[in-house]
Each structure stands twice: as structure tokens, then as C-alpha cells.
Amino acid sequence: MSKVRLVVTSEFEETVREYAKAGDDAPAYEQDRGEFGVAMGKVMRLSGDEIAVIIDSSVLLAGQEHGVPEQTFKHEAYHVALHQRGESLYDERDDDDEAGLAERQYFGMAAIACEESRVEMPLCRERPSPVYGWFPSLLESVESDVCRLSREYQDSDDGPDDVIAISRGFSKRFHSMVTACGYVAAVMEARECGLPDIDPRIDRRVFGEYGAEVIDRLRQLPPADQVADRADLETAAEDISELLMPWGSDIGFRWEDLLGDQSAFRVLKPAKWVL
């Protein structure tokens, strides 16, 4: 079983970057998650047979809402359990030489959503994730940001930097939605409740049938306190990743694999976002 190193630090972002240099994670790391707030913990696989759990010490400050510190440590502990049992899929597609860049990107998003959903399911039996409550606001924020990004792109000269700006901007927002679906699915499954109320206009523009299908598939995953068959987890992540391209296309954007391990970002519905 892997050794686990617990690090509680007031220099969270710098500590993660330092550990990343010696492990498998890329050195680039930002604690600020935009619509997702601020990351308070991270589990990292180091070289050899060791896992680091890094926690921002501010989670232990006086005045925290009751249960927040405990939930943070439990959340990261479940991530460790998945790593130790060989059930984490984060690096699965990175090792697939036959998969293109776009395919790896979609699978990576799906794998993160799967793991976050599994980790949150047992925690949500005790306390529902706050993501469930502000999921409609997240979707509204994504819709507003995509509208702004699209208008800026349409007003640009369509140069390489302009394409990079809208590609990165949409990717960040889309990834936030997919990850949030994992938390929402966990609450729905653990608490036996329905989707939070989403404004019909926002639903049509950024969530739709594909977002609902992603959540339905995530709900079928076993919680992190149950041992799972890795092949079943890989199938679930594949199923979800195959929903992400049509979901993005329905919104109006798509990544496509090209020859030579290249990918292209397509703007499919410009009129939808500038009118």
C-alpha cells in the first residue's frame, strides 16, 4: 500500500508546485478555481510509491462553518483510498498512445467528474455539497462568460491569439460545468433528490439534455467507500467522455482530433452567442 504524507501549509499553492516538480503533476497550478472558489486540498502521486495530501491551513482557522474542516480531510482521504486501490483514472488516457489530444481532453474531464462524484457520495449522506445549491448560478455565470468570450472573438481579427483566447476560455468554463456535475450527481444520489431548479433559458443554452445525461451516468457510479471494478469505472468514464463532445457542440463549440497528434477548436454557432 502506498505511503501517505500529510502536509498542512499556509503556502498551499507554492507547496503544490514544489511537490509537482518531483512527481507526476505538471508544475503549473492555480489554487483559484474561478466559479468553483478556492481549492483547499490536493492529493498528488509522487515518484515511487508515495502519495502527498496537501491541505491549506486556513481550513483550520477559527470561524469556519461547522463540519467544513472534517469534510475537507475526509474528501481528500477518499481520494487517497481510490489511488491506493488503483481506482483513480486521472492518468488513464495520458498513457494511451492511440488517443488524440481532443479525446484525451474529454476523457480527462470525465475522469475528474467521476472521481469527484464518487468521493462526494459518502460525504453527502452526512452533509450535501454546497455545489448543489449554487449549481444554477454556476450555469448562469458560464452562459454570461461564453457570451462575452464569443462577442470578443467575433470582434477580433481571428488571429491565433484570438482563437487561443476563446478556446481556453470556453475550455475552463466547460470543465467547471462537467466537474460540478459530479458534485450535483453525488448529492442527488446520496440524498435521493432531483436536479436543482435551473432557469429554462440557461438550461437550453448551456446545460440541456447532454448535461442531464452526464449527471444520470455519474449517479450510477459506486461511492468511494465501496470497492469498484476498474474496468467498470473505465467504461463509465468512456460513456461520459462520449457525451462531452455533443454537449459542447450543442452549446456551440467543439475540439476535434487531427492527424499528427494535433487538434482543432471549432466555433459552430457564432450567431447563437452574439445575438
Protein backbone atom coordinates (compact mmCIF):
# COMPACT_ATOMS: atom_id res chain seq x y z
CA MET A 1 0.00 0.00 0.00
CA SER A 2 1.24 3.48 -0.84
CA LYS A 3 2.79 5.62 1.86
CA VAL A 4 0.85 8.83 2.59
CA ARG A 5 2.46 12.14 3.51
CA LEU A 6 0.14 14.76 5.06
CA VAL A 7 1.21 18.38 4.63
CA VAL A 8 -0.78 21.23 6.21
CA THR A 9 0.58 24.55 4.99
CA SER A 10 -0.15 28.28 4.84
CA GLU A 11 1.66 28.36 1.44
CA PHE A 12 -0.68 25.96 -0.32
CA GLU A 13 -0.14 26.94 -3.95
CA GLU A 14 3.65 27.15 -3.63
CA THR A 15 3.76 23.80 -1.82
CA VAL A 16 1.72 22.08 -4.55
CA ARG A 17 4.08 23.47 -7.19
CA GLU A 18 7.12 22.27 -5.28
CA TYR A 19 5.73 18.75 -4.93
CA ALA A 20 4.69 18.76 -8.58
CA LYS A 21 8.30 19.18 -9.65
CA ALA A 22 9.15 15.87 -8.01
CA GLY A 23 6.01 13.99 -9.03
CA ASP A 24 3.74 13.34 -11.95
CA ASP A 25 1.71 16.56 -11.88
CA ALA A 26 2.59 19.48 -14.11
CA PRO A 27 4.29 22.37 -12.23
CA ALA A 28 1.59 24.83 -13.36
CA TYR A 29 -1.06 25.05 -10.66
CA GLU A 30 -3.55 27.68 -9.54
CA GLN A 31 -5.48 27.49 -6.28
CA ASP A 32 -8.13 29.91 -7.55
CA ARG A 33 -10.80 27.85 -9.35
CA GLY A 34 -12.94 30.74 -10.60
CA GLU A 35 -16.61 29.82 -10.24
CA PHE A 36 -15.52 26.88 -8.06
CA GLY A 37 -13.95 29.12 -5.43
CA VAL A 38 -10.57 28.17 -3.97
CA ALA A 39 -9.04 24.69 -3.68
CA MET A 40 -8.32 23.77 -0.06
CA GLY A 41 -6.73 20.37 -0.60
CA LYS A 42 -4.94 18.30 -3.22
CA VAL A 43 -3.81 14.69 -3.45
CA MET A 44 -0.68 14.12 -5.52
CA ARG A 45 1.03 10.93 -6.60
CA LEU A 46 4.74 11.36 -6.04
CA SER A 47 7.57 9.42 -7.61
CA GLY A 48 7.85 5.92 -6.26
CA ASP A 49 5.10 4.53 -4.06
CA GLU A 50 4.09 7.64 -2.13
CA ILE A 51 1.08 9.97 -2.08
CA ALA A 52 1.08 13.50 -0.73
CA VAL A 53 -2.04 15.08 0.76
CA ILE A 54 -1.63 18.85 0.86
CA ILE A 55 -4.14 20.90 2.89
CA ASP A 56 -4.44 24.68 3.10
CA SER A 57 -4.08 25.54 6.79
CA SER A 58 -6.76 28.23 6.51
CA VAL A 59 -9.36 25.44 6.58
CA LEU A 60 -8.50 25.09 10.28
CA LEU A 61 -8.97 28.76 11.16
CA ALA A 62 -11.50 29.72 13.81
CA GLY A 63 -14.85 30.76 12.44
CA GLN A 64 -15.16 28.04 9.83
CA GLU A 65 -18.67 26.71 9.32
CA HIS A 66 -19.25 23.61 11.43
CA GLY A 67 -18.05 20.46 9.70
CA VAL A 68 -16.00 22.14 6.95
CA PRO A 69 -12.55 21.06 8.22
CA GLU A 70 -13.70 17.49 8.76
CA GLN A 71 -15.31 17.30 5.32
CA THR A 72 -12.14 18.63 3.68
CA PHE A 73 -9.95 15.96 5.27
CA LYS A 74 -12.48 13.20 4.55
CA HIS A 75 -12.75 14.30 0.91
CA GLU A 76 -9.00 14.07 0.39
CA ALA A 77 -8.83 10.79 2.33
CA TYR A 78 -11.27 9.21 -0.12
CA HIS A 79 -9.09 10.41 -3.00
CA VAL A 80 -6.16 8.62 -1.32
CA ALA A 81 -8.23 5.45 -0.98
CA LEU A 82 -9.03 5.49 -4.71
CA HIS A 83 -5.33 5.91 -5.54
CA GLN A 84 -4.34 3.07 -3.20
CA ARG A 85 -6.97 0.72 -4.62
CA GLY A 86 -5.95 1.52 -8.19
CA GLU A 87 -9.33 3.10 -8.97
CA SER A 88 -8.17 6.61 -9.91
CA LEU A 89 -8.48 7.28 -13.64
CA TYR A 90 -6.80 10.68 -13.80
CA ASP A 91 -3.80 9.44 -15.77
CA GLU A 92 -5.53 6.70 -17.73
CA ARG A 93 -5.88 8.47 -21.09
CA ASP A 94 -2.46 10.17 -20.81
CA ASP A 95 -0.96 6.69 -21.21
CA ASP A 96 -3.00 5.90 -24.34
CA ASP A 97 -0.74 6.47 -27.35
CA GLU A 98 -3.63 5.89 -29.76
CA ALA A 99 -5.89 8.61 -28.33
CA GLY A 100 -5.79 12.09 -29.85
CA LEU A 101 -5.46 15.34 -27.92
CA ALA A 102 -9.18 16.12 -28.01
CA GLU A 103 -10.09 12.58 -26.96
CA ARG A 104 -7.66 12.77 -24.05
CA GLN A 105 -9.08 16.13 -23.03
CA TYR A 106 -12.67 14.86 -22.98
CA PHE A 107 -11.67 11.71 -21.11
CA GLY A 108 -9.70 13.75 -18.57
CA MET A 109 -12.76 15.88 -17.80
CA ALA A 110 -14.90 12.76 -17.47
CA ALA A 111 -12.38 11.04 -15.19
CA ILE A 112 -12.25 14.02 -12.83
CA ALA A 113 -16.05 14.24 -12.68
CA CYS A 114 -16.25 10.51 -11.95
CA GLU A 115 -13.75 10.64 -9.12
CA GLU A 116 -15.21 13.77 -7.53
CA SER A 117 -18.69 12.26 -7.66
CA ARG A 118 -17.55 9.02 -6.05
CA VAL A 119 -15.64 10.88 -3.34
CA GLU A 120 -18.58 13.16 -2.53
CA MET A 121 -21.28 10.45 -2.40
CA PRO A 122 -20.45 9.12 1.10
CA LEU A 123 -19.87 12.66 2.38
CA CYS A 124 -23.23 13.86 1.05
CA ARG A 125 -25.03 11.30 3.18
CA GLU A 126 -23.95 13.44 6.15
CA ARG A 127 -23.86 16.87 4.55
CA PRO A 128 -24.84 17.85 0.99
CA SER A 129 -22.16 19.59 -1.05
CA PRO A 130 -22.75 23.36 -1.38
CA VAL A 131 -22.09 22.96 -5.12
CA TYR A 132 -25.63 21.60 -5.43
CA GLY A 133 -27.09 24.86 -4.15
CA TRP A 134 -25.12 27.19 -6.37
CA PHE A 135 -25.08 24.99 -9.48
CA PRO A 136 -27.76 27.13 -11.19
CA SER A 137 -25.65 30.23 -10.52
CA LEU A 138 -22.61 28.48 -11.97
CA LEU A 139 -24.53 27.76 -15.17
CA GLU A 140 -25.66 31.39 -15.37
CA SER A 141 -22.04 32.51 -14.93
CA VAL A 142 -20.88 30.13 -17.67
CA GLU A 143 -23.58 31.40 -20.02
CA SER A 144 -22.59 35.02 -19.38
CA ASP A 145 -18.88 34.32 -19.81
CA VAL A 146 -19.35 32.35 -23.03
CA CYS A 147 -21.47 35.18 -24.42
CA ARG A 148 -18.72 37.70 -23.59
CA LEU A 149 -15.96 35.47 -24.99
CA SER A 150 -17.91 34.95 -28.20
CA ARG A 151 -18.51 38.64 -28.75
CA GLU A 152 -14.86 39.43 -28.12
CA TYR A 153 -13.88 36.73 -30.62
CA GLN A 154 -16.31 37.97 -33.28
CA ASP A 155 -14.95 41.50 -32.85
CA SER A 156 -11.35 40.28 -33.20
CA ASP A 157 -9.15 39.78 -36.26
CA ASP A 158 -9.47 35.97 -35.86
CA GLY A 159 -5.73 35.63 -35.32
CA PRO A 160 -4.02 32.76 -33.48
CA ASP A 161 -4.12 34.60 -30.15
CA ASP A 162 -7.86 35.25 -30.57
CA VAL A 163 -8.55 31.57 -31.22
CA ILE A 164 -6.45 30.58 -28.21
CA ALA A 165 -8.36 33.05 -26.02
CA ILE A 166 -11.81 31.68 -26.83
CA SER A 167 -10.59 28.07 -26.80
CA ARG A 168 -9.01 28.39 -23.36
CA GLY A 169 -11.89 30.47 -22.06
CA PHE A 170 -14.57 28.03 -23.12
CA SER A 171 -12.48 25.02 -22.03
CA LYS A 172 -12.18 26.43 -18.49
CA ARG A 173 -15.93 27.09 -18.21
CA PHE A 174 -16.93 23.77 -19.76
CA HIS A 175 -14.58 21.89 -17.46
CA SER A 176 -16.11 23.69 -14.46
CA MET A 177 -19.59 22.57 -15.52
CA VAL A 178 -18.53 18.95 -16.03
CA THR A 179 -16.78 18.80 -12.65
CA ALA A 180 -19.74 20.44 -10.92
CA CYS A 181 -21.97 17.75 -12.42
CA GLY A 182 -20.00 15.24 -10.35
CA TYR A 183 -20.89 17.05 -7.12
CA VAL A 184 -24.53 17.51 -8.12
CA ALA A 185 -24.83 13.84 -9.05
CA ALA A 186 -23.39 12.87 -5.66
CA VAL A 187 -25.99 14.94 -3.79
CA MET A 188 -28.85 13.64 -5.94
CA GLU A 189 -27.82 10.01 -5.41
CA ALA A 190 -26.98 10.27 -1.71
CA ARG A 191 -29.99 12.41 -0.76
CA GLU A 192 -32.44 10.98 -3.33
CA CYS A 193 -33.38 14.41 -4.69
CA GLY A 194 -33.84 15.91 -8.13
CA LEU A 195 -31.88 18.47 -10.08
CA PRO A 196 -31.74 21.97 -8.59
CA ASP A 197 -34.00 24.47 -10.31
CA ILE A 198 -32.30 25.80 -13.46
CA ASP A 199 -33.59 28.79 -15.40
CA PRO A 200 -35.17 27.37 -18.59
CA ARG A 201 -33.24 29.79 -20.82
CA ILE A 202 -29.92 28.86 -19.21
CA ASP A 203 -30.86 25.19 -19.40
CA ARG A 204 -31.40 25.44 -23.17
CA ARG A 205 -28.20 27.39 -23.82
CA VAL A 206 -25.56 25.59 -21.72
CA PHE A 207 -26.99 22.53 -19.92
CA GLY A 208 -29.64 20.74 -21.93
CA GLU A 209 -30.19 17.04 -22.45
CA TYR A 210 -26.48 16.18 -22.55
CA GLY A 211 -25.76 17.77 -19.17
CA ALA A 212 -28.66 15.81 -17.69
CA GLU A 213 -27.37 12.58 -19.27
CA VAL A 214 -23.91 13.16 -17.81
CA ILE A 215 -25.40 13.51 -14.33
CA ASP A 216 -27.54 10.40 -14.80
CA ARG A 217 -24.44 8.38 -15.74
CA LEU A 218 -22.44 9.77 -12.82
CA ARG A 219 -25.18 8.71 -10.42
CA GLN A 220 -24.65 5.08 -11.46
CA LEU A 221 -21.11 5.06 -10.08
CA PRO A 222 -20.39 3.33 -6.76
CA PRO A 223 -19.43 5.64 -3.87
CA ALA A 224 -15.78 5.85 -2.83
CA ASP A 225 -16.41 3.83 0.33
CA GLN A 226 -17.15 0.81 -1.86
CA VAL A 227 -14.52 -1.10 -3.81
CA ALA A 228 -15.17 -0.88 -7.55
CA ASP A 229 -14.05 -2.86 -10.57
CA ARG A 230 -11.60 -0.74 -12.56
CA ALA A 231 -12.97 -1.95 -15.89
CA ASP A 232 -16.44 -0.71 -14.89
CA LEU A 233 -15.01 2.67 -13.92
CA GLU A 234 -13.19 2.96 -17.24
CA THR A 235 -16.42 2.14 -19.07
CA ALA A 236 -18.30 4.82 -17.12
CA ALA A 237 -15.63 7.42 -17.87
CA GLU A 238 -15.71 6.46 -21.55
CA ASP A 239 -19.50 6.75 -21.61
CA ILE A 240 -19.34 10.22 -20.09
CA SER A 241 -16.47 11.39 -22.30
CA GLU A 242 -18.51 10.37 -25.35
CA LEU A 243 -21.29 12.69 -24.17
CA LEU A 244 -19.00 15.67 -23.78
CA MET A 245 -18.30 16.34 -27.46
CA PRO A 246 -22.01 16.50 -28.41
CA TRP A 247 -22.69 18.55 -25.26
CA GLY A 248 -20.04 21.09 -26.24
CA SER A 249 -21.27 21.04 -29.84
CA ASP A 250 -24.81 21.68 -28.65
CA ILE A 251 -23.53 24.74 -26.80
CA GLY A 252 -21.67 25.78 -29.96
CA PHE A 253 -18.04 24.67 -29.64
CA ARG A 254 -16.04 21.52 -30.35
CA TRP A 255 -12.50 20.17 -30.18
CA GLU A 256 -11.55 17.75 -32.95
CA ASP A 257 -8.54 15.49 -33.36
CA LEU A 258 -6.38 15.99 -36.45
CA LEU A 259 -3.54 13.98 -37.91
CA GLY A 260 -0.16 14.16 -36.24
CA ASP A 261 -1.43 14.44 -32.66
CA GLN A 262 -2.94 17.85 -33.38
CA SER A 263 -6.38 19.17 -32.50
CA ALA A 264 -8.64 21.97 -33.74
CA PHE A 265 -11.16 24.12 -31.89
CA ARG A 266 -14.36 24.82 -33.83
CA VAL A 267 -16.82 27.66 -33.28
CA LEU A 268 -20.06 26.08 -34.50
CA LYS A 269 -22.83 28.51 -33.58
CA PRO A 270 -21.49 32.09 -33.66
CA ALA A 271 -24.93 33.64 -34.14
CA LYS A 272 -26.24 31.94 -31.00
CA TRP A 273 -23.79 33.83 -28.82
CA VAL A 274 -23.65 37.28 -30.38
CA LEU A 275 -27.36 38.00 -30.95
